[in-house]
Amino acid sequence: MSILKHREILLALAILASLALIAARFPAFIAPASLANVFNDTAPLMILVIGQMIVILTKCIDLSVAATLALTGMTAALMNGAGVPLPLILLTVVLMGAALGAINGVLVWKVGIPSIVVTLGTMTIYRGVIFLMTDGKWVNAHEMTDGFKALPRHILLGLPVMSWVAIALIAVFALILSRTPLGRAFYAVGGNPHAAVYAGIDVGRTQAAAFVISGALAGLTGYLWTARYAVAYVDIAGGFELDVVAACVIGGIAIAGGAGSIWGAILGALFLGVIKNALPVVGISPFWQMAISGTAIILAVAFNATQNRPKGRLILREAAQ
C-alpha cells in the first residue's frame, strides 16, 4: 500500500497502536490530562529535535545539544539567584546557546573538522565549564525564585506554557523550512552540496547557521528544563543528545542529509515520549526500556536504508532489447 511509504503515517499509526495497547491494561493513560502530561514531558525533546533535524539536513550532527542545555540552564539558575529579571535571563540563554552553536559551526565551516568530532569535543568542554562555574555544586529549588520556576508550568488554555512554546516553534520552523530560501538551502546543502554551490549557496555558512539555530533552541530549552524541574547541576540532561538523534532517525530524517520533514521528526519525538512514559506504567524495567528504544532506532535506520536505496538497472535486459 502506498500509505505505508509515508513515514509520518506509519509513525502516527505506531503511536496510536501503542496507546491502544497501553489503554487495554491502563485506561487512565489515555485520559486527556494524562496525554497532555505526556506531551508536556516530551516538549523539551521536540524543541531540541527541531534544531537537530536542521543540522542533520545539512549532512552534520550536533552531539553537544544536551551539554548546551545544561550550561545555559545553569547560567539561567545562577542569574536568577543574582536577581536578574526573567526577560533578560531568557534573552541571555538564547543568545548564549546561539553563540555556543556558532562555535561548533565555525569549527566545521572554517577549520573543516567533522561535525561529530567537533560536537563531541564541545560537549565535554561545555560540561567542564559548568563544573568550573559551580565547583560541582547544585542549584536547588529553594535557591530559585517562584517567578523563575512558574513560567514553564503556567497553564494556558489547558496546556502548560512549555507545551505552547514547543507548538509555536514547530509551527515557525515548519514555515521556515518549507517557505523560505534558508529552509530550501538546508535541504539543498544536504541533498547535493556541489549543486548547491552552483546555485549560489554557501555550504559552510549554511551549515554554521544550522548549528546556531540548534544552539539557540538548546539555550531556550536550558531555561525551560531548569525552571520546570527546579534544579541545575553538571550532569543535567546527561545522555539526552542520544534521544534527540534517535527521534530524528525514527522520524525519517536521513543521516546522509537532505531528506526528512519536521512533522516526521516531531512524531519520532512523540513516539519516544509515549514509550518512555508508558513502559514504567506497565512495569517494564529501565534496561528493557533502553533495549526497546535501541531496537526502534535500528529498525528505523533499516527502514530508511531500504526506502532510500536506488533501484538498480537491468543492464542485460536493456541490452537485449
C-alpha atoms as a PDB file:
ATOM      1  CA  MET A   1       0.000   0.000   0.000  1.00  0.00           C
ATOM      2  CA  SER A   2       1.245   3.486  -0.836  1.00  0.00           C
ATOM      3  CA  ILE A   3       0.170   4.687   2.614  1.00  0.00           C
ATOM      4  CA  LEU A   4       2.955   2.578   4.148  1.00  0.00           C
ATOM      5  CA  LYS A   5       5.563   4.539   2.180  1.00  0.00           C
ATOM      6  CA  HIS A   6       4.888   7.665   4.229  1.00  0.00           C
ATOM      7  CA  ARG A   7       6.912   7.704   7.457  1.00  0.00           C
ATOM      8  CA  GLU A   8       4.613  10.221   9.129  1.00  0.00           C
ATOM      9  CA  ILE A   9       1.562   7.999   8.648  1.00  0.00           C
ATOM     10  CA  LEU A  10       3.430   4.931   9.861  1.00  0.00           C
ATOM     11  CA  LEU A  11       4.605   6.749  12.969  1.00  0.00           C
ATOM     12  CA  ALA A  12       1.148   8.100  13.704  1.00  0.00           C
ATOM     13  CA  LEU A  13      -0.256   4.580  13.399  1.00  0.00           C
ATOM     14  CA  ALA A  14       2.514   3.218  15.633  1.00  0.00           C
ATOM     15  CA  ILE A  15       1.753   5.845  18.283  1.00  0.00           C
ATOM     16  CA  LEU A  16      -1.968   5.097  18.132  1.00  0.00           C
ATOM     17  CA  ALA A  17      -1.307   1.353  18.327  1.00  0.00           C
ATOM     18  CA  SER A  18       0.950   1.862  21.350  1.00  0.00           C
ATOM     19  CA  LEU A  19      -1.703   3.960  23.070  1.00  0.00           C
ATOM     20  CA  ALA A  20      -4.351   1.333  22.323  1.00  0.00           C
ATOM     21  CA  LEU A  21      -2.218  -1.466  23.778  1.00  0.00           C
ATOM     22  CA  ILE A  22      -1.463   0.528  26.916  1.00  0.00           C
ATOM     23  CA  ALA A  23      -5.085   1.616  27.311  1.00  0.00           C
ATOM     24  CA  ALA A  24      -6.218  -2.013  27.213  1.00  0.00           C
ATOM     25  CA  ARG A  25      -4.415  -2.521  30.521  1.00  0.00           C
ATOM     26  CA  PHE A  26      -4.321   1.004  31.964  1.00  0.00           C
ATOM     27  CA  PRO A  27      -7.226   3.069  30.568  1.00  0.00           C
ATOM     28  CA  ALA A  28      -6.245   6.110  32.625  1.00  0.00           C
ATOM     29  CA  PHE A  29      -3.093   6.518  30.494  1.00  0.00           C
ATOM     30  CA  ILE A  30      -5.122   7.862  27.565  1.00  0.00           C
ATOM     31  CA  ALA A  31      -7.177  10.291  29.619  1.00  0.00           C
ATOM     32  CA  PRO A  32      -6.839  13.848  28.216  1.00  0.00           C
ATOM     33  CA  ALA A  33      -4.952  15.086  31.272  1.00  0.00           C
ATOM     34  CA  SER A  34      -2.522  12.153  31.065  1.00  0.00           C
ATOM     35  CA  LEU A  35      -1.876  12.670  27.348  1.00  0.00           C
ATOM     36  CA  ALA A  36      -1.324  16.376  27.988  1.00  0.00           C
ATOM     37  CA  ASN A  37       1.305  15.429  30.576  1.00  0.00           C
ATOM     38  CA  VAL A  38       2.999  13.086  28.103  1.00  0.00           C
ATOM     39  CA  PHE A  39       3.083  15.871  25.508  1.00  0.00           C
ATOM     40  CA  ASN A  40       4.488  18.327  28.044  1.00  0.00           C
ATOM     41  CA  ASP A  41       7.129  15.825  29.171  1.00  0.00           C
ATOM     42  CA  THR A  42       8.152  15.436  25.524  1.00  0.00           C
ATOM     43  CA  ALA A  43       8.213  19.195  24.802  1.00  0.00           C
ATOM     44  CA  PRO A  44      11.967  19.672  25.549  1.00  0.00           C
ATOM     45  CA  LEU A  45      12.773  16.745  23.253  1.00  0.00           C
ATOM     46  CA  MET A  46      10.604  18.190  20.474  1.00  0.00           C
ATOM     47  CA  ILE A  47      12.298  21.592  20.711  1.00  0.00           C
ATOM     48  CA  LEU A  48      15.775  20.073  20.538  1.00  0.00           C
ATOM     49  CA  VAL A  49      14.700  17.768  17.702  1.00  0.00           C
ATOM     50  CA  ILE A  50      13.860  20.782  15.536  1.00  0.00           C
ATOM     51  CA  GLY A  51      17.420  22.070  15.784  1.00  0.00           C
ATOM     52  CA  GLN A  52      18.995  18.638  15.417  1.00  0.00           C
ATOM     53  CA  MET A  53      16.887  17.935  12.338  1.00  0.00           C
ATOM     54  CA  ILE A  54      18.113  21.118  10.653  1.00  0.00           C
ATOM     55  CA  VAL A  55      21.730  20.221  11.436  1.00  0.00           C
ATOM     56  CA  ILE A  56      21.310  16.677  10.098  1.00  0.00           C
ATOM     57  CA  LEU A  57      19.679  18.014   6.922  1.00  0.00           C
ATOM     58  CA  THR A  58      22.999  19.742   6.163  1.00  0.00           C
ATOM     59  CA  LYS A  59      24.999  16.484   6.488  1.00  0.00           C
ATOM     60  CA  CYS A  60      26.179  17.282  10.022  1.00  0.00           C
ATOM     61  CA  ILE A  61      25.270  16.201  13.543  1.00  0.00           C
ATOM     62  CA  ASP A  62      25.196  18.066  16.865  1.00  0.00           C
ATOM     63  CA  LEU A  63      26.065  15.922  19.873  1.00  0.00           C
ATOM     64  CA  SER A  64      26.517  18.948  22.128  1.00  0.00           C
ATOM     65  CA  VAL A  65      22.825  19.907  22.425  1.00  0.00           C
ATOM     66  CA  ALA A  66      22.337  18.379  25.881  1.00  0.00           C
ATOM     67  CA  ALA A  67      25.550  19.954  27.167  1.00  0.00           C
ATOM     68  CA  THR A  68      24.441  23.315  25.748  1.00  0.00           C
ATOM     69  CA  LEU A  69      21.107  22.822  27.518  1.00  0.00           C
ATOM     70  CA  ALA A  70      22.930  22.098  30.775  1.00  0.00           C
ATOM     71  CA  LEU A  71      25.285  25.083  30.506  1.00  0.00           C
ATOM     72  CA  THR A  72      22.561  27.586  29.623  1.00  0.00           C
ATOM     73  CA  GLY A  73      20.269  26.099  32.259  1.00  0.00           C
ATOM     74  CA  MET A  74      22.924  26.534  34.930  1.00  0.00           C
ATOM     75  CA  THR A  75      23.585  30.069  33.698  1.00  0.00           C
ATOM     76  CA  ALA A  76      19.857  30.843  33.960  1.00  0.00           C
ATOM     77  CA  ALA A  77      19.740  29.475  37.515  1.00  0.00           C
ATOM     78  CA  LEU A  78      22.801  31.486  38.604  1.00  0.00           C
ATOM     79  CA  MET A  79      21.457  34.676  37.010  1.00  0.00           C
ATOM     80  CA  ASN A  80      18.154  34.135  38.791  1.00  0.00           C
ATOM     81  CA  GLY A  81      19.999  33.762  42.078  1.00  0.00           C
ATOM     82  CA  ALA A  82      21.786  37.047  41.371  1.00  0.00           C
ATOM     83  CA  GLY A  83      18.437  38.842  40.945  1.00  0.00           C
ATOM     84  CA  VAL A  84      18.499  39.270  37.147  1.00  0.00           C
ATOM     85  CA  PRO A  85      14.988  39.853  35.679  1.00  0.00           C
ATOM     86  CA  LEU A  86      13.457  36.896  33.854  1.00  0.00           C
ATOM     87  CA  PRO A  87      13.182  38.589  30.407  1.00  0.00           C
ATOM     88  CA  LEU A  88      16.927  39.314  30.478  1.00  0.00           C
ATOM     89  CA  ILE A  89      17.622  35.715  31.545  1.00  0.00           C
ATOM     90  CA  LEU A  90      15.607  34.406  28.599  1.00  0.00           C
ATOM     91  CA  LEU A  91      17.411  36.686  26.144  1.00  0.00           C
ATOM     92  CA  THR A  92      20.782  35.710  27.595  1.00  0.00           C
ATOM     93  CA  VAL A  93      20.283  31.944  27.396  1.00  0.00           C
ATOM     94  CA  VAL A  94      19.023  32.095  23.806  1.00  0.00           C
ATOM     95  CA  LEU A  95      21.954  34.279  22.701  1.00  0.00           C
ATOM     96  CA  MET A  96      24.378  32.156  24.716  1.00  0.00           C
ATOM     97  CA  GLY A  97      23.058  28.984  23.119  1.00  0.00           C
ATOM     98  CA  ALA A  98      23.361  30.580  19.675  1.00  0.00           C
ATOM     99  CA  ALA A  99      26.973  31.556  20.464  1.00  0.00           C
ATOM    100  CA  LEU A 100      27.814  28.025  21.603  1.00  0.00           C
ATOM    101  CA  GLY A 101      26.232  26.696  18.418  1.00  0.00           C
ATOM    102  CA  ALA A 102      28.234  29.224  16.407  1.00  0.00           C
ATOM    103  CA  ILE A 103      31.447  27.823  17.896  1.00  0.00           C
ATOM    104  CA  ASN A 104      30.501  24.404  16.528  1.00  0.00           C
ATOM    105  CA  GLY A 105      29.507  25.901  13.192  1.00  0.00           C
ATOM    106  CA  VAL A 106      32.686  27.901  12.728  1.00  0.00           C
ATOM    107  CA  LEU A 107      34.890  24.913  13.565  1.00  0.00           C
ATOM    108  CA  VAL A 108      33.037  22.828  10.975  1.00  0.00           C
ATOM    109  CA  TRP A 109      32.903  25.622   8.390  1.00  0.00           C
ATOM    110  CA  LYS A 110      36.268  27.364   8.669  1.00  0.00           C
ATOM    111  CA  VAL A 111      38.517  24.689  10.167  1.00  0.00           C
ATOM    112  CA  GLY A 112      36.957  21.747   8.342  1.00  0.00           C
ATOM    113  CA  ILE A 113      36.704  19.428  11.347  1.00  0.00           C
ATOM    114  CA  PRO A 114      33.958  16.768  11.021  1.00  0.00           C
ATOM    115  CA  SER A 115      30.889  17.786  12.989  1.00  0.00           C
ATOM    116  CA  ILE A 116      30.800  14.594  15.056  1.00  0.00           C
ATOM    117  CA  VAL A 117      34.355  15.298  16.294  1.00  0.00           C
ATOM    118  CA  VAL A 118      33.678  18.979  16.943  1.00  0.00           C
ATOM    119  CA  THR A 119      30.496  18.399  18.915  1.00  0.00           C
ATOM    120  CA  LEU A 120      31.933  15.502  20.915  1.00  0.00           C
ATOM    121  CA  GLY A 121      34.694  17.889  21.975  1.00  0.00           C
ATOM    122  CA  THR A 122      32.457  20.838  22.775  1.00  0.00           C
ATOM    123  CA  MET A 123      30.050  18.533  24.582  1.00  0.00           C
ATOM    124  CA  THR A 124      32.817  17.713  27.052  1.00  0.00           C
ATOM    125  CA  ILE A 125      34.043  21.310  27.217  1.00  0.00           C
ATOM    126  CA  TYR A 126      30.597  22.719  27.986  1.00  0.00           C
ATOM    127  CA  ARG A 127      30.091  20.197  30.795  1.00  0.00           C
ATOM    128  CA  GLY A 128      33.512  21.120  32.151  1.00  0.00           C
ATOM    129  CA  VAL A 129      32.646  24.818  32.100  1.00  0.00           C
ATOM    130  CA  ILE A 130      29.597  24.087  34.286  1.00  0.00           C
ATOM    131  CA  PHE A 131      31.853  22.398  36.835  1.00  0.00           C
ATOM    132  CA  LEU A 132      34.242  25.355  36.812  1.00  0.00           C
ATOM    133  CA  MET A 133      31.331  27.777  37.278  1.00  0.00           C
ATOM    134  CA  THR A 134      29.883  25.917  40.254  1.00  0.00           C
ATOM    135  CA  ASP A 135      32.684  23.732  41.616  1.00  0.00           C
ATOM    136  CA  GLY A 136      30.302  20.821  41.084  1.00  0.00           C
ATOM    137  CA  LYS A 137      27.569  22.257  43.315  1.00  0.00           C
ATOM    138  CA  TRP A 138      23.856  22.065  42.570  1.00  0.00           C
ATOM    139  CA  VAL A 139      21.353  24.899  42.377  1.00  0.00           C
ATOM    140  CA  ASN A 140      18.192  23.620  44.059  1.00  0.00           C
ATOM    141  CA  ALA A 141      14.555  24.714  44.107  1.00  0.00           C
ATOM    142  CA  HIS A 142      14.834  26.818  47.287  1.00  0.00           C
ATOM    143  CA  GLU A 143      17.559  28.885  45.582  1.00  0.00           C
ATOM    144  CA  MET A 144      15.248  29.811  42.667  1.00  0.00           C
ATOM    145  CA  THR A 145      12.516  32.440  42.749  1.00  0.00           C
ATOM    146  CA  ASP A 146       8.882  31.456  42.342  1.00  0.00           C
ATOM    147  CA  GLY A 147       8.548  33.532  39.176  1.00  0.00           C
ATOM    148  CA  PHE A 148      11.539  31.775  37.603  1.00  0.00           C
ATOM    149  CA  LYS A 149      10.034  28.347  38.259  1.00  0.00           C
ATOM    150  CA  ALA A 150       6.451  29.267  37.411  1.00  0.00           C
ATOM    151  CA  LEU A 151       6.649  30.279  33.742  1.00  0.00           C
ATOM    152  CA  PRO A 152       7.044  26.821  32.095  1.00  0.00           C
ATOM    153  CA  ARG A 153       4.385  25.372  34.424  1.00  0.00           C
ATOM    154  CA  HIS A 154       1.791  28.116  33.972  1.00  0.00           C
ATOM    155  CA  ILE A 155      -1.384  26.666  32.440  1.00  0.00           C
ATOM    156  CA  LEU A 156      -2.716  28.465  29.368  1.00  0.00           C
ATOM    157  CA  LEU A 157      -5.796  27.129  27.571  1.00  0.00           C
ATOM    158  CA  GLY A 158      -5.392  23.752  29.239  1.00  0.00           C
ATOM    159  CA  LEU A 159      -1.674  23.260  28.486  1.00  0.00           C
ATOM    160  CA  PRO A 160       1.491  24.412  30.284  1.00  0.00           C
ATOM    161  CA  VAL A 161       3.451  27.246  28.695  1.00  0.00           C
ATOM    162  CA  MET A 162       6.291  24.835  27.890  1.00  0.00           C
ATOM    163  CA  SER A 163       3.942  22.861  25.622  1.00  0.00           C
ATOM    164  CA  TRP A 164       2.801  26.049  23.887  1.00  0.00           C
ATOM    165  CA  VAL A 165       6.425  27.071  23.315  1.00  0.00           C
ATOM    166  CA  ALA A 166       7.062  23.729  21.596  1.00  0.00           C
ATOM    167  CA  ILE A 167       3.913  24.084  19.474  1.00  0.00           C
ATOM    168  CA  ALA A 168       4.836  27.639  18.443  1.00  0.00           C
ATOM    169  CA  LEU A 169       8.386  26.626  17.480  1.00  0.00           C
ATOM    170  CA  ILE A 170       7.111  23.669  15.456  1.00  0.00           C
ATOM    171  CA  ALA A 171       4.805  25.993  13.511  1.00  0.00           C
ATOM    172  CA  VAL A 172       7.506  28.633  12.954  1.00  0.00           C
ATOM    173  CA  PHE A 173      10.157  26.211  11.733  1.00  0.00           C
ATOM    174  CA  ALA A 174       7.705  24.263   9.598  1.00  0.00           C
ATOM    175  CA  LEU A 175       7.098  27.555   7.804  1.00  0.00           C
ATOM    176  CA  ILE A 176      10.803  28.401   7.607  1.00  0.00           C
ATOM    177  CA  LEU A 177      11.777  25.015   6.187  1.00  0.00           C
ATOM    178  CA  SER A 178       9.011  24.926   3.593  1.00  0.00           C
ATOM    179  CA  ARG A 179       8.602  28.561   2.584  1.00  0.00           C
ATOM    180  CA  THR A 180      11.917  30.395   2.899  1.00  0.00           C
ATOM    181  CA  PRO A 181      15.202  30.400   0.929  1.00  0.00           C
ATOM    182  CA  LEU A 182      17.082  29.439   4.105  1.00  0.00           C
ATOM    183  CA  GLY A 183      14.900  26.368   4.592  1.00  0.00           C
ATOM    184  CA  ARG A 184      15.420  25.305   0.999  1.00  0.00           C
ATOM    185  CA  ALA A 185      19.164  25.896   1.413  1.00  0.00           C
ATOM    186  CA  PHE A 186      19.304  23.431   4.328  1.00  0.00           C
ATOM    187  CA  TYR A 187      17.805  20.721   2.107  1.00  0.00           C
ATOM    188  CA  ALA A 188      19.966  21.652  -0.876  1.00  0.00           C
ATOM    189  CA  VAL A 189      23.224  21.565   1.082  1.00  0.00           C
ATOM    190  CA  GLY A 190      22.478  18.104   2.444  1.00  0.00           C
ATOM    191  CA  GLY A 191      20.943  16.713  -0.723  1.00  0.00           C
ATOM    192  CA  ASN A 192      23.652  17.775  -3.170  1.00  0.00           C
ATOM    193  CA  PRO A 193      26.392  20.118  -1.877  1.00  0.00           C
ATOM    194  CA  HIS A 194      28.016  20.504  -5.298  1.00  0.00           C
ATOM    195  CA  ALA A 195      24.768  21.517  -6.954  1.00  0.00           C
ATOM    196  CA  ALA A 196      24.095  23.877  -4.037  1.00  0.00           C
ATOM    197  CA  VAL A 197      27.390  25.655  -4.731  1.00  0.00           C
ATOM    198  CA  TYR A 198      26.452  26.098  -8.391  1.00  0.00           C
ATOM    199  CA  ALA A 199      23.115  27.507  -7.218  1.00  0.00           C
ATOM    200  CA  GLY A 200      24.975  30.176  -5.249  1.00  0.00           C
ATOM    201  CA  ILE A 201      24.502  28.652  -1.787  1.00  0.00           C
ATOM    202  CA  ASP A 202      27.426  28.895   0.638  1.00  0.00           C
ATOM    203  CA  VAL A 203      27.575  25.362   2.057  1.00  0.00           C
ATOM    204  CA  GLY A 204      29.749  26.158   5.070  1.00  0.00           C
ATOM    205  CA  ARG A 205      27.785  29.249   6.018  1.00  0.00           C
ATOM    206  CA  THR A 206      24.503  27.314   5.767  1.00  0.00           C
ATOM    207  CA  GLN A 207      25.857  24.538   7.988  1.00  0.00           C
ATOM    208  CA  ALA A 208      27.036  27.140  10.511  1.00  0.00           C
ATOM    209  CA  ALA A 209      23.553  28.718  10.500  1.00  0.00           C
ATOM    210  CA  ALA A 210      22.071  25.305  11.292  1.00  0.00           C
ATOM    211  CA  PHE A 211      24.345  24.964  14.334  1.00  0.00           C
ATOM    212  CA  VAL A 212      23.403  28.458  15.510  1.00  0.00           C
ATOM    213  CA  ILE A 213      19.705  27.560  15.348  1.00  0.00           C
ATOM    214  CA  SER A 214      20.315  24.282  17.173  1.00  0.00           C
ATOM    215  CA  GLY A 215      22.274  26.093  19.881  1.00  0.00           C
ATOM    216  CA  ALA A 216      19.655  28.820  20.319  1.00  0.00           C
ATOM    217  CA  LEU A 217      16.893  26.238  20.731  1.00  0.00           C
ATOM    218  CA  ALA A 218      19.044  24.315  23.215  1.00  0.00           C
ATOM    219  CA  GLY A 219      19.607  27.559  25.133  1.00  0.00           C
ATOM    220  CA  LEU A 220      15.881  28.205  25.414  1.00  0.00           C
ATOM    221  CA  THR A 221      15.328  24.591  26.456  1.00  0.00           C
ATOM    222  CA  GLY A 222      18.007  25.028  29.119  1.00  0.00           C
ATOM    223  CA  TYR A 223      15.856  27.584  30.919  1.00  0.00           C
ATOM    224  CA  LEU A 224      12.621  25.618  30.423  1.00  0.00           C
ATOM    225  CA  TRP A 225      14.192  22.397  31.732  1.00  0.00           C
ATOM    226  CA  THR A 226      15.858  24.031  34.754  1.00  0.00           C
ATOM    227  CA  ALA A 227      12.782  26.020  35.704  1.00  0.00           C
ATOM    228  CA  ARG A 228      10.364  23.131  35.294  1.00  0.00           C
ATOM    229  CA  TYR A 229      12.405  20.619  37.287  1.00  0.00           C
ATOM    230  CA  ALA A 230      13.732  23.316  39.656  1.00  0.00           C
ATOM    231  CA  VAL A 231      17.297  22.011  39.706  1.00  0.00           C
ATOM    232  CA  ALA A 232      20.576  22.650  37.902  1.00  0.00           C
ATOM    233  CA  TYR A 233      23.780  20.606  38.061  1.00  0.00           C
ATOM    234  CA  VAL A 234      26.693  19.448  35.913  1.00  0.00           C
ATOM    235  CA  ASP A 235      25.097  16.277  34.536  1.00  0.00           C
ATOM    236  CA  ILE A 236      21.639  17.674  33.857  1.00  0.00           C
ATOM    237  CA  ALA A 237      20.123  16.009  30.756  1.00  0.00           C
ATOM    238  CA  GLY A 238      23.079  13.627  30.589  1.00  0.00           C
ATOM    239  CA  GLY A 239      22.792  11.394  27.522  1.00  0.00           C
ATOM    240  CA  PHE A 240      19.760  13.298  26.256  1.00  0.00           C
ATOM    241  CA  GLU A 241      21.545  14.037  22.972  1.00  0.00           C
ATOM    242  CA  LEU A 242      21.100  10.367  22.071  1.00  0.00           C
ATOM    243  CA  ASP A 243      17.320  10.643  22.475  1.00  0.00           C
ATOM    244  CA  VAL A 244      17.378  13.712  20.226  1.00  0.00           C
ATOM    245  CA  VAL A 245      19.277  11.906  17.470  1.00  0.00           C
ATOM    246  CA  ALA A 246      17.099   8.809  17.914  1.00  0.00           C
ATOM    247  CA  ALA A 247      13.904  10.841  17.495  1.00  0.00           C
ATOM    248  CA  CYS A 248      15.249  12.306  14.244  1.00  0.00           C
ATOM    249  CA  VAL A 249      16.223   8.899  12.889  1.00  0.00           C
ATOM    250  CA  ILE A 250      12.922   7.311  13.882  1.00  0.00           C
ATOM    251  CA  GLY A 251      11.157  10.278  12.282  1.00  0.00           C
ATOM    252  CA  GLY A 252      12.776   9.590   8.920  1.00  0.00           C
ATOM    253  CA  ILE A 253      15.459  12.288   8.877  1.00  0.00           C
ATOM    254  CA  ALA A 254      18.180  10.888   6.616  1.00  0.00           C
ATOM    255  CA  ILE A 255      21.540  10.746   8.404  1.00  0.00           C
ATOM    256  CA  ALA A 256      23.151  11.333   4.990  1.00  0.00           C
ATOM    257  CA  GLY A 257      21.358  14.690   4.866  1.00  0.00           C
ATOM    258  CA  GLY A 258      18.909  16.440   2.594  1.00  0.00           C
ATOM    259  CA  ALA A 259      15.756  14.416   3.355  1.00  0.00           C
ATOM    260  CA  GLY A 260      13.073  14.398   6.019  1.00  0.00           C
ATOM    261  CA  SER A 261      10.263  16.529   7.371  1.00  0.00           C
ATOM    262  CA  ILE A 262       9.741  18.391  10.605  1.00  0.00           C
ATOM    263  CA  TRP A 263       6.463  16.512  11.113  1.00  0.00           C
ATOM    264  CA  GLY A 264       8.271  13.181  10.917  1.00  0.00           C
ATOM    265  CA  ALA A 265      10.871  14.361  13.429  1.00  0.00           C
ATOM    266  CA  ILE A 266       8.185  15.582  15.844  1.00  0.00           C
ATOM    267  CA  LEU A 267       6.291  12.297  15.529  1.00  0.00           C
ATOM    268  CA  GLY A 268       9.563  10.489  16.230  1.00  0.00           C
ATOM    269  CA  ALA A 269       9.916  12.522  19.420  1.00  0.00           C
ATOM    270  CA  LEU A 270       6.308  11.799  20.391  1.00  0.00           C
ATOM    271  CA  PHE A 271       6.832   8.097  19.752  1.00  0.00           C
ATOM    272  CA  LEU A 272       9.803   8.070  22.140  1.00  0.00           C
ATOM    273  CA  GLY A 273       7.834  10.192  24.610  1.00  0.00           C
ATOM    274  CA  VAL A 274       4.938   7.737  24.654  1.00  0.00           C
ATOM    275  CA  ILE A 275       7.290   4.766  25.030  1.00  0.00           C
ATOM    276  CA  LYS A 276       9.293   6.335  27.853  1.00  0.00           C
ATOM    277  CA  ASN A 277       6.158   7.369  29.730  1.00  0.00           C
ATOM    278  CA  ALA A 278       4.283   4.117  29.135  1.00  0.00           C
ATOM    279  CA  LEU A 279       6.880   1.469  29.916  1.00  0.00           C
ATOM    280  CA  PRO A 280       7.207   2.355  33.620  1.00  0.00           C
ATOM    281  CA  VAL A 281       3.397   2.286  33.870  1.00  0.00           C
ATOM    282  CA  VAL A 282       3.277  -1.306  32.669  1.00  0.00           C
ATOM    283  CA  GLY A 283       6.152  -2.259  34.959  1.00  0.00           C
ATOM    284  CA  ILE A 284       8.949  -2.766  32.435  1.00  0.00           C
ATOM    285  CA  SER A 285      12.454  -2.234  33.837  1.00  0.00           C
ATOM    286  CA  PRO A 286      14.757   0.596  32.653  1.00  0.00           C
ATOM    287  CA  PHE A 287      17.014  -1.985  30.979  1.00  0.00           C
ATOM    288  CA  TRP A 288      14.171  -3.146  28.739  1.00  0.00           C
ATOM    289  CA  GLN A 289      13.292   0.491  28.053  1.00  0.00           C
ATOM    290  CA  MET A 290      16.779   1.050  26.653  1.00  0.00           C
ATOM    291  CA  ALA A 291      16.609  -2.197  24.667  1.00  0.00           C
ATOM    292  CA  ILE A 292      13.255  -1.262  23.136  1.00  0.00           C
ATOM    293  CA  SER A 293      14.472   2.236  22.252  1.00  0.00           C
ATOM    294  CA  GLY A 294      17.629   0.816  20.694  1.00  0.00           C
ATOM    295  CA  THR A 295      15.617  -1.695  18.675  1.00  0.00           C
ATOM    296  CA  ALA A 296      13.369   1.105  17.419  1.00  0.00           C
ATOM    297  CA  ILE A 297      16.427   3.067  16.252  1.00  0.00           C
ATOM    298  CA  ILE A 298      17.902   0.079  14.383  1.00  0.00           C
ATOM    299  CA  LEU A 299      14.582  -0.694  12.717  1.00  0.00           C
ATOM    300  CA  ALA A 300      14.190   2.952  11.728  1.00  0.00           C
ATOM    301  CA  VAL A 301      17.652   3.093  10.163  1.00  0.00           C
ATOM    302  CA  ALA A 302      16.995  -0.173   8.311  1.00  0.00           C
ATOM    303  CA  PHE A 303      13.674   1.171   7.053  1.00  0.00           C
ATOM    304  CA  ASN A 304      15.355   4.383   5.875  1.00  0.00           C
ATOM    305  CA  ALA A 305      18.016   2.397   4.049  1.00  0.00           C
ATOM    306  CA  THR A 306      15.502   0.229   2.187  1.00  0.00           C
ATOM    307  CA  GLN A 307      13.284   3.196   1.307  1.00  0.00           C
ATOM    308  CA  ASN A 308      16.144   5.360   0.029  1.00  0.00           C
ATOM    309  CA  ARG A 309      18.041   2.644  -1.835  1.00  0.00           C
ATOM    310  CA  PRO A 310      18.046   3.417  -5.590  1.00  0.00           C
ATOM    311  CA  LYS A 311      16.660   0.771  -7.862  1.00  0.00           C
ATOM    312  CA  GLY A 312      19.279  -0.953  -9.983  1.00  0.00           C
ATOM    313  CA  ARG A 313      19.115  -1.036 -13.769  1.00  0.00           C
ATOM    314  CA  LEU A 314      18.639  -4.336 -15.580  1.00  0.00           C
ATOM    315  CA  ILE A 315      21.522  -3.793 -17.977  1.00  0.00           C
ATOM    316  CA  LEU A 316      21.407  -7.165 -19.692  1.00  0.00           C
ATOM    317  CA  ARG A 317      17.688  -6.954 -20.319  1.00  0.00           C
ATOM    318  CA  GLU A 318      18.063  -3.417 -21.712  1.00  0.00           C
ATOM    319  CA  ALA A 319      20.918  -4.518 -23.932  1.00  0.00           C
ATOM    320  CA  ALA A 320      18.911  -7.434 -25.315  1.00  0.00           C
ATOM    321  CA  GLN A 321      16.045  -5.213 -26.406  1.00  0.00           C
END
